[in-house]
């Protein structure tokens, strides 16, 4: 009469250590993927902000890098080809240096001489190719100082 030995552990269960290791590895892979996605997203949207003088001073270091440049639209001719959707103009900074700009897209309504702009794009050493044009609102939309003072007096 032999005694039967009953295995108390079912065949399908594994030690808890293996499951925990798989869980940690899977979580680590997911965490690395999220960190990679955040890093690549910030790198693609990061841009240095320069004046025109600073951009020229950087030289070849700034070539073909995504940057932001600020300046005022000069009185030089603003050329727009509606068929090709190509806009050409120049901006200048306070020092008087100018930067020729090319933009492929529709002409912004507020683009006029002396308009303050912020351009985002790439500089190849000769021409700045803008991907985005941001224009500050003209001063004609701002209230005059006397009108504001009258309103303040009326409130008191």
N, C-alpha and C. Protein backbone atom coordinates (compact mmCIF):
# COMPACT_ATOMS: atom_id res chain seq x y z
N UNK A 1 0.81 -1.16 0.00
CA UNK A 1 0.00 0.00 0.00
C UNK A 1 0.87 1.24 0.00
N UNK A 2 0.90 1.77 -1.07
CA UNK A 2 1.68 2.99 -1.19
C UNK A 2 0.87 4.23 -0.93
N UNK A 3 1.54 5.15 -0.34
CA UNK A 3 0.85 6.42 -0.07
C UNK A 3 0.94 7.30 -1.30
N UNK A 4 -0.17 7.98 -1.56
CA UNK A 4 -0.19 8.90 -2.69
C UNK A 4 0.33 10.26 -2.24
N UNK A 5 1.14 10.84 -3.08
CA UNK A 5 1.65 12.17 -2.80
C UNK A 5 0.87 13.15 -3.67
N UNK A 6 0.25 14.10 -3.03
CA UNK A 6 -0.54 15.09 -3.76
C UNK A 6 0.27 16.38 -3.82
N UNK A 7 0.43 16.84 -5.02
CA UNK A 7 1.14 18.10 -5.23
C UNK A 7 0.19 19.23 -4.90
N UNK A 8 0.55 20.05 -3.93
CA UNK A 8 -0.33 21.12 -3.50
C UNK A 8 -0.33 22.30 -4.47
N UNK A 9 0.66 22.42 -5.31
CA UNK A 9 0.75 23.55 -6.21
C UNK A 9 0.22 23.15 -7.58
N UNK A 10 -0.81 23.86 -8.10
CA UNK A 10 -1.31 23.51 -9.42
C UNK A 10 -0.23 23.71 -10.48
N UNK A 11 -0.35 22.97 -11.55
CA UNK A 11 0.65 23.01 -12.61
C UNK A 11 0.69 24.37 -13.31
N UNK A 12 -0.44 25.05 -13.40
CA UNK A 12 -0.50 26.27 -14.18
C UNK A 12 0.07 27.49 -13.45
N UNK A 13 0.24 27.40 -12.16
CA UNK A 13 0.75 28.58 -11.44
C UNK A 13 2.27 28.58 -11.47
N UNK A 14 2.80 29.80 -11.50
CA UNK A 14 4.25 29.97 -11.52
C UNK A 14 4.65 30.72 -10.26
N UNK A 15 5.89 30.70 -9.94
CA UNK A 15 6.33 31.48 -8.78
C UNK A 15 6.03 32.96 -8.99
N UNK A 16 5.72 33.66 -7.92
CA UNK A 16 5.35 35.08 -7.98
C UNK A 16 6.50 35.95 -8.48
N UNK A 17 7.70 35.53 -8.27
CA UNK A 17 8.86 36.31 -8.69
C UNK A 17 8.92 36.50 -10.19
N UNK A 18 8.59 35.49 -10.96
CA UNK A 18 8.61 35.58 -12.42
C UNK A 18 7.57 36.57 -12.92
N UNK A 19 6.38 36.54 -12.35
CA UNK A 19 5.32 37.46 -12.77
C UNK A 19 5.71 38.90 -12.44
N UNK A 20 6.29 39.09 -11.30
CA UNK A 20 6.71 40.43 -10.90
C UNK A 20 7.80 40.95 -11.84
N UNK A 21 8.73 40.11 -12.23
CA UNK A 21 9.80 40.50 -13.13
C UNK A 21 9.23 40.90 -14.49
N UNK A 22 8.29 40.13 -15.02
CA UNK A 22 7.66 40.45 -16.30
C UNK A 22 6.92 41.79 -16.22
N UNK A 23 6.23 42.00 -15.11
CA UNK A 23 5.50 43.24 -14.91
C UNK A 23 6.45 44.43 -14.88
N UNK A 24 7.56 44.31 -14.18
CA UNK A 24 8.54 45.39 -14.09
C UNK A 24 9.20 45.66 -15.44
N UNK A 25 9.53 44.61 -16.19
CA UNK A 25 10.12 44.79 -17.51
C UNK A 25 9.15 45.48 -18.46
N UNK A 26 7.90 45.05 -18.44
CA UNK A 26 6.89 45.67 -19.29
C UNK A 26 6.67 47.14 -18.94
N UNK A 27 6.61 47.43 -17.65
CA UNK A 27 6.47 48.82 -17.19
C UNK A 27 7.66 49.66 -17.58
N UNK A 28 8.85 49.09 -17.49
CA UNK A 28 10.07 49.80 -17.88
C UNK A 28 10.08 50.14 -19.36
N UNK A 29 9.66 49.19 -20.19
CA UNK A 29 9.61 49.43 -21.64
C UNK A 29 8.62 50.55 -21.95
N UNK A 30 7.47 50.53 -21.31
CA UNK A 30 6.46 51.57 -21.53
C UNK A 30 6.99 52.93 -21.07
N UNK A 31 7.63 52.98 -19.92
CA UNK A 31 8.18 54.24 -19.40
C UNK A 31 9.25 54.79 -20.35
N UNK A 32 10.13 53.94 -20.87
CA UNK A 32 11.15 54.39 -21.81
C UNK A 32 10.52 54.92 -23.10
N UNK A 33 9.47 54.26 -23.56
CA UNK A 33 8.79 54.73 -24.78
C UNK A 33 8.17 56.11 -24.56
N UNK A 34 7.56 56.32 -23.41
CA UNK A 34 6.96 57.63 -23.11
C UNK A 34 8.03 58.70 -23.02
N UNK A 35 9.13 58.41 -22.36
CA UNK A 35 10.24 59.38 -22.24
C UNK A 35 10.80 59.71 -23.62
N UNK A 36 10.96 58.72 -24.47
CA UNK A 36 11.45 58.95 -25.83
C UNK A 36 10.50 59.85 -26.62
N UNK A 37 9.20 59.60 -26.52
CA UNK A 37 8.22 60.42 -27.25
C UNK A 37 8.23 61.86 -26.75
N UNK A 38 8.33 62.07 -25.46
CA UNK A 38 8.39 63.42 -24.92
C UNK A 38 9.66 64.13 -25.39
N UNK A 39 10.78 63.45 -25.37
CA UNK A 39 12.05 64.03 -25.79
C UNK A 39 12.01 64.44 -27.26
N UNK A 40 11.54 63.56 -28.14
CA UNK A 40 11.50 63.88 -29.57
C UNK A 40 10.51 64.99 -29.86
N UNK A 41 9.40 65.06 -29.12
CA UNK A 41 8.43 66.13 -29.34
C UNK A 41 9.00 67.48 -28.94
N UNK A 42 9.72 67.54 -27.84
CA UNK A 42 10.29 68.82 -27.41
C UNK A 42 11.44 69.24 -28.32
N UNK A 43 12.20 68.30 -28.83
CA UNK A 43 13.29 68.64 -29.72
C UNK A 43 12.78 69.20 -31.04
N UNK A 44 11.67 68.67 -31.55
CA UNK A 44 11.17 69.13 -32.84
C UNK A 44 10.50 70.49 -32.74
N UNK A 45 10.03 70.89 -31.56
CA UNK A 45 9.36 72.18 -31.41
C UNK A 45 10.24 73.23 -30.76
N UNK A 46 11.40 72.87 -30.30
CA UNK A 46 12.29 73.84 -29.66
C UNK A 46 12.91 74.75 -30.71
N UNK A 47 12.96 76.05 -30.40
CA UNK A 47 13.55 77.02 -31.33
C UNK A 47 14.26 78.10 -30.53
N UNK A 48 15.44 78.48 -31.01
CA UNK A 48 16.16 79.58 -30.40
C UNK A 48 15.57 80.89 -30.88
N UNK A 49 15.56 81.92 -30.05
CA UNK A 49 15.01 83.22 -30.39
C UNK A 49 16.14 84.21 -30.56
N UNK A 50 16.24 84.82 -31.76
CA UNK A 50 17.32 85.74 -32.09
C UNK A 50 16.79 87.04 -32.67
N UNK A 51 17.59 88.09 -32.54
CA UNK A 51 17.39 89.27 -33.37
C UNK A 51 18.16 89.00 -34.66
N UNK A 52 18.00 89.86 -35.64
CA UNK A 52 18.70 89.64 -36.91
C UNK A 52 20.22 89.73 -36.70
N UNK A 53 20.66 90.68 -35.91
CA UNK A 53 22.10 90.83 -35.64
C UNK A 53 22.67 89.58 -34.98
N UNK A 54 21.94 89.04 -34.02
CA UNK A 54 22.40 87.82 -33.34
C UNK A 54 22.43 86.63 -34.30
N UNK A 55 21.47 86.57 -35.21
CA UNK A 55 21.44 85.47 -36.19
C UNK A 55 22.66 85.53 -37.09
N UNK A 56 22.98 86.72 -37.59
CA UNK A 56 24.17 86.86 -38.43
C UNK A 56 25.45 86.60 -37.64
N UNK A 57 25.48 87.00 -36.37
CA UNK A 57 26.67 86.80 -35.54
C UNK A 57 26.93 85.31 -35.29
N UNK A 58 25.89 84.51 -35.24
CA UNK A 58 26.05 83.07 -35.02
C UNK A 58 26.76 82.39 -36.18
N UNK A 59 26.61 82.94 -37.37
CA UNK A 59 27.27 82.37 -38.55
C UNK A 59 26.71 81.00 -38.91
N UNK A 60 27.61 80.11 -39.29
CA UNK A 60 27.21 78.79 -39.77
C UNK A 60 26.56 77.93 -38.70
N UNK A 61 26.76 78.26 -37.45
CA UNK A 61 26.14 77.49 -36.35
C UNK A 61 24.62 77.56 -36.45
N UNK A 62 24.10 78.69 -36.92
CA UNK A 62 22.64 78.88 -37.00
C UNK A 62 22.05 78.38 -38.32
N UNK A 63 22.88 78.03 -39.28
CA UNK A 63 22.37 77.59 -40.58
C UNK A 63 21.57 76.30 -40.44
N UNK A 64 20.45 76.25 -41.12
CA UNK A 64 19.57 75.08 -41.20
C UNK A 64 19.10 74.58 -39.84
N UNK A 65 19.05 75.46 -38.86
CA UNK A 65 18.46 75.13 -37.55
C UNK A 65 17.14 75.88 -37.44
N UNK A 66 16.19 75.28 -36.76
CA UNK A 66 14.89 75.92 -36.57
C UNK A 66 15.04 77.02 -35.52
N UNK A 67 14.81 78.28 -35.94
CA UNK A 67 14.99 79.42 -35.04
C UNK A 67 13.81 80.38 -35.17
N UNK A 68 13.73 81.30 -34.21
CA UNK A 68 12.78 82.41 -34.25
C UNK A 68 13.57 83.70 -34.39
N UNK A 69 13.07 84.58 -35.25
CA UNK A 69 13.73 85.86 -35.47
C UNK A 69 12.67 86.95 -35.38
N UNK A 70 13.04 88.05 -34.73
CA UNK A 70 12.10 89.17 -34.63
C UNK A 70 12.64 90.37 -35.38
N UNK A 71 11.72 91.19 -35.86
CA UNK A 71 12.10 92.42 -36.56
C UNK A 71 10.87 93.11 -37.11
N UNK A 72 11.11 94.24 -37.77
CA UNK A 72 10.02 95.00 -38.40
C UNK A 72 10.12 94.85 -39.90
N UNK A 73 8.97 94.76 -40.54
CA UNK A 73 8.93 94.67 -42.00
C UNK A 73 9.45 95.99 -42.55
N UNK A 74 10.38 95.91 -43.51
CA UNK A 74 10.97 97.12 -44.08
C UNK A 74 10.04 97.69 -45.15
N UNK A 75 10.41 98.87 -45.64
CA UNK A 75 9.63 99.52 -46.69
C UNK A 75 9.99 98.98 -48.07
N UNK A 76 10.90 98.04 -48.14
CA UNK A 76 11.22 97.39 -49.41
C UNK A 76 9.97 96.67 -49.90
N UNK A 77 9.91 96.45 -51.18
CA UNK A 77 8.70 95.87 -51.79
C UNK A 77 8.34 94.52 -51.18
N UNK A 78 7.07 94.37 -50.85
CA UNK A 78 6.54 93.08 -50.42
C UNK A 78 6.00 92.41 -51.68
N UNK A 79 6.62 91.31 -52.07
CA UNK A 79 6.24 90.63 -53.31
C UNK A 79 5.46 89.37 -52.97
N UNK A 80 4.29 89.23 -53.60
CA UNK A 80 3.47 88.05 -53.36
C UNK A 80 3.01 87.49 -54.69
N UNK A 81 3.28 86.21 -54.90
CA UNK A 81 2.82 85.49 -56.10
C UNK A 81 1.66 84.61 -55.68
N UNK A 82 0.40 85.00 -56.03
CA UNK A 82 -0.76 84.22 -55.58
C UNK A 82 -0.86 82.84 -56.21
N UNK A 83 -0.28 82.66 -57.39
CA UNK A 83 -0.33 81.33 -58.02
C UNK A 83 0.56 80.33 -57.30
N UNK A 84 1.76 80.75 -56.99
CA UNK A 84 2.72 79.87 -56.33
C UNK A 84 2.61 79.96 -54.80
N UNK A 85 1.78 80.90 -54.32
CA UNK A 85 1.67 81.17 -52.88
C UNK A 85 3.05 81.40 -52.27
N UNK A 86 3.81 82.30 -52.90
CA UNK A 86 5.15 82.62 -52.43
C UNK A 86 5.20 84.11 -52.07
N UNK A 87 5.64 84.37 -50.84
CA UNK A 87 5.73 85.72 -50.32
C UNK A 87 7.19 86.04 -50.04
N UNK A 88 7.63 87.21 -50.53
CA UNK A 88 9.01 87.66 -50.29
C UNK A 88 8.96 89.07 -49.69
N UNK A 89 9.73 89.27 -48.63
CA UNK A 89 9.84 90.58 -48.00
C UNK A 89 11.10 90.60 -47.16
N UNK A 90 11.37 91.75 -46.53
CA UNK A 90 12.54 91.89 -45.67
C UNK A 90 12.10 92.40 -44.31
N UNK A 91 12.86 92.00 -43.30
CA UNK A 91 12.66 92.56 -41.97
C UNK A 91 13.98 93.18 -41.52
N UNK A 92 13.88 94.13 -40.58
CA UNK A 92 15.07 94.79 -40.04
C UNK A 92 14.96 94.84 -38.53
N UNK A 93 16.11 94.85 -37.87
CA UNK A 93 16.10 95.00 -36.40
C UNK A 93 16.50 96.42 -36.04
N UNK A 94 16.65 96.69 -34.76
CA UNK A 94 16.95 98.04 -34.28
C UNK A 94 18.31 98.54 -34.75
N UNK A 95 19.23 97.62 -35.03
CA UNK A 95 20.56 98.03 -35.50
C UNK A 95 20.57 98.39 -36.98
N UNK A 96 19.48 98.09 -37.68
CA UNK A 96 19.38 98.41 -39.10
C UNK A 96 19.73 97.26 -40.02
N UNK A 97 20.17 96.13 -39.46
CA UNK A 97 20.47 94.98 -40.32
C UNK A 97 19.18 94.40 -40.87
N UNK A 98 19.22 93.98 -42.13
CA UNK A 98 18.03 93.43 -42.77
C UNK A 98 18.20 91.94 -43.04
N UNK A 99 17.07 91.27 -43.17
CA UNK A 99 17.04 89.84 -43.43
C UNK A 99 15.99 89.56 -44.48
N UNK A 100 16.40 89.03 -45.65
CA UNK A 100 15.40 88.67 -46.66
C UNK A 100 14.64 87.42 -46.22
N UNK A 101 13.33 87.43 -46.45
CA UNK A 101 12.46 86.35 -45.98
C UNK A 101 11.65 85.80 -47.15
N UNK A 102 11.49 84.47 -47.16
CA UNK A 102 10.62 83.79 -48.11
C UNK A 102 9.63 82.97 -47.29
N UNK A 103 8.36 83.05 -47.68
CA UNK A 103 7.31 82.29 -47.01
C UNK A 103 6.42 81.66 -48.06
N UNK A 104 6.17 80.37 -47.93
CA UNK A 104 5.28 79.66 -48.86
C UNK A 104 3.93 79.48 -48.17
N UNK A 105 2.96 80.24 -48.63
CA UNK A 105 1.63 80.20 -48.03
C UNK A 105 0.90 81.49 -48.32
N UNK A 106 -0.30 81.63 -47.80
CA UNK A 106 -1.07 82.85 -48.05
C UNK A 106 -0.46 84.06 -47.36
N UNK A 107 -0.66 85.23 -47.96
CA UNK A 107 -0.12 86.47 -47.40
C UNK A 107 -1.00 86.90 -46.22
N UNK A 108 -0.40 87.13 -45.05
CA UNK A 108 -1.17 87.61 -43.91
C UNK A 108 -1.74 89.00 -44.19
N UNK A 109 -2.96 89.25 -43.76
CA UNK A 109 -3.62 90.53 -44.01
C UNK A 109 -2.89 91.70 -43.37
N UNK A 110 -2.30 91.51 -42.22
CA UNK A 110 -1.66 92.59 -41.48
C UNK A 110 -0.20 92.83 -41.86
N UNK A 111 0.29 92.15 -42.91
CA UNK A 111 1.68 92.32 -43.31
C UNK A 111 1.82 93.64 -44.07
N UNK A 112 2.45 94.62 -43.41
CA UNK A 112 2.66 95.95 -43.95
C UNK A 112 4.03 96.43 -43.49
N UNK A 113 4.55 97.47 -44.17
CA UNK A 113 5.81 98.05 -43.66
C UNK A 113 5.65 98.52 -42.22
N UNK A 114 6.67 98.34 -41.44
CA UNK A 114 6.75 98.69 -40.02
C UNK A 114 5.96 97.75 -39.11
N UNK A 115 5.38 96.70 -39.64
CA UNK A 115 4.69 95.72 -38.80
C UNK A 115 5.74 94.90 -38.05
N UNK A 116 5.54 94.74 -36.76
CA UNK A 116 6.46 93.94 -35.95
C UNK A 116 6.15 92.46 -36.16
N UNK A 117 7.18 91.68 -36.45
CA UNK A 117 6.98 90.28 -36.77
C UNK A 117 7.87 89.38 -35.93
N UNK A 118 7.42 88.17 -35.77
CA UNK A 118 8.24 87.08 -35.23
C UNK A 118 8.12 85.95 -36.24
N UNK A 119 9.24 85.55 -36.77
CA UNK A 119 9.28 84.51 -37.80
C UNK A 119 9.88 83.24 -37.21
N UNK A 120 9.33 82.11 -37.60
CA UNK A 120 9.89 80.82 -37.22
C UNK A 120 10.24 80.09 -38.50
N UNK A 121 11.46 79.56 -38.55
CA UNK A 121 11.88 78.84 -39.74
C UNK A 121 13.37 78.58 -39.72
N UNK A 122 13.96 78.48 -40.92
CA UNK A 122 15.38 78.14 -41.05
C UNK A 122 16.10 79.17 -41.91
N UNK A 123 17.34 79.42 -41.55
CA UNK A 123 18.20 80.38 -42.25
C UNK A 123 19.33 79.61 -42.93
N UNK A 124 19.52 79.86 -44.23
CA UNK A 124 20.57 79.14 -44.95
C UNK A 124 21.82 79.97 -45.18
N UNK A 125 21.89 81.15 -44.57
CA UNK A 125 23.04 82.02 -44.75
C UNK A 125 22.74 83.20 -45.65
N UNK A 126 21.72 83.08 -46.48
CA UNK A 126 21.34 84.16 -47.39
C UNK A 126 19.89 84.57 -47.19
N UNK A 127 18.99 83.59 -47.12
CA UNK A 127 17.56 83.86 -47.04
C UNK A 127 16.97 83.08 -45.87
N UNK A 128 16.04 83.71 -45.17
CA UNK A 128 15.32 83.05 -44.09
C UNK A 128 14.04 82.48 -44.68
N UNK A 129 13.87 81.17 -44.59
CA UNK A 129 12.66 80.51 -45.06
C UNK A 129 11.73 80.33 -43.87
N UNK A 130 10.67 81.14 -43.84
CA UNK A 130 9.76 81.14 -42.71
C UNK A 130 8.71 80.05 -42.86
N UNK A 131 8.44 79.35 -41.79
CA UNK A 131 7.36 78.38 -41.76
C UNK A 131 6.14 78.98 -41.07
N UNK A 132 6.39 79.97 -40.19
CA UNK A 132 5.32 80.64 -39.46
C UNK A 132 5.63 82.13 -39.40
N UNK A 133 4.60 82.95 -39.61
CA UNK A 133 4.72 84.40 -39.47
C UNK A 133 3.74 84.85 -38.40
N UNK A 134 4.25 85.47 -37.36
CA UNK A 134 3.41 86.03 -36.31
C UNK A 134 3.53 87.55 -36.39
N UNK A 135 2.40 88.23 -36.48
CA UNK A 135 2.40 89.68 -36.57
C UNK A 135 1.73 90.26 -35.34
N UNK A 136 2.35 91.31 -34.80
CA UNK A 136 1.74 91.99 -33.67
C UNK A 136 0.61 92.88 -34.21
N UNK A 137 -0.43 93.04 -33.42
CA UNK A 137 -1.56 93.87 -33.83
C UNK A 137 -1.10 95.31 -33.97
N UNK A 138 -1.58 95.98 -34.99
CA UNK A 138 -1.20 97.39 -35.15
C UNK A 138 -1.73 98.25 -34.01
N UNK A 139 -1.07 99.38 -33.79
CA UNK A 139 -1.43 100.24 -32.67
C UNK A 139 -2.78 100.91 -32.86
N UNK A 140 -3.34 100.89 -34.07
CA UNK A 140 -4.63 101.55 -34.28
C UNK A 140 -5.75 100.87 -33.49
N UNK A 141 -5.52 99.63 -33.04
CA UNK A 141 -6.52 98.92 -32.26
C UNK A 141 -6.41 99.21 -30.77
N UNK A 142 -5.32 99.84 -30.36
CA UNK A 142 -5.13 100.14 -28.95
C UNK A 142 -5.83 101.45 -28.63
N UNK A 143 -6.36 101.56 -27.42
CA UNK A 143 -7.04 102.77 -27.01
C UNK A 143 -6.03 103.87 -26.75
N UNK A 144 -6.42 105.10 -27.06
CA UNK A 144 -5.56 106.23 -26.80
C UNK A 144 -5.53 106.51 -25.30
N UNK A 145 -4.43 107.12 -24.85
CA UNK A 145 -4.25 107.35 -23.43
C UNK A 145 -5.36 108.21 -22.85
N UNK A 146 -5.80 109.24 -23.54
CA UNK A 146 -6.85 110.13 -23.05
C UNK A 146 -8.17 109.40 -22.88
N UNK A 147 -8.50 108.51 -23.79
CA UNK A 147 -9.76 107.76 -23.71
C UNK A 147 -9.73 106.84 -22.50
N UNK A 148 -8.61 106.22 -22.24
CA UNK A 148 -8.48 105.31 -21.11
C UNK A 148 -8.63 106.10 -19.81
N UNK A 149 -7.99 107.28 -19.74
CA UNK A 149 -8.09 108.09 -18.54
C UNK A 149 -9.52 108.55 -18.29
N UNK A 150 -10.27 108.90 -19.37
CA UNK A 150 -11.66 109.30 -19.23
C UNK A 150 -12.50 108.15 -18.68
N UNK A 151 -12.24 106.94 -19.15
CA UNK A 151 -12.98 105.77 -18.68
C UNK A 151 -12.68 105.51 -17.19
N UNK A 152 -11.43 105.70 -16.79
CA UNK A 152 -11.05 105.49 -15.40
C UNK A 152 -11.77 106.53 -14.52
N UNK A 153 -11.80 107.78 -14.98
CA UNK A 153 -12.49 108.82 -14.23
C UNK A 153 -13.98 108.52 -14.11
N UNK A 154 -14.58 107.99 -15.16
CA UNK A 154 -16.01 107.69 -15.16
C UNK A 154 -16.31 106.57 -14.18
N UNK A 155 -15.39 105.66 -13.98
CA UNK A 155 -15.61 104.54 -13.07
C UNK A 155 -15.54 105.02 -11.63
N UNK A 156 -14.70 106.01 -11.34
CA UNK A 156 -14.52 106.50 -9.96
C UNK A 156 -15.72 107.19 -9.49
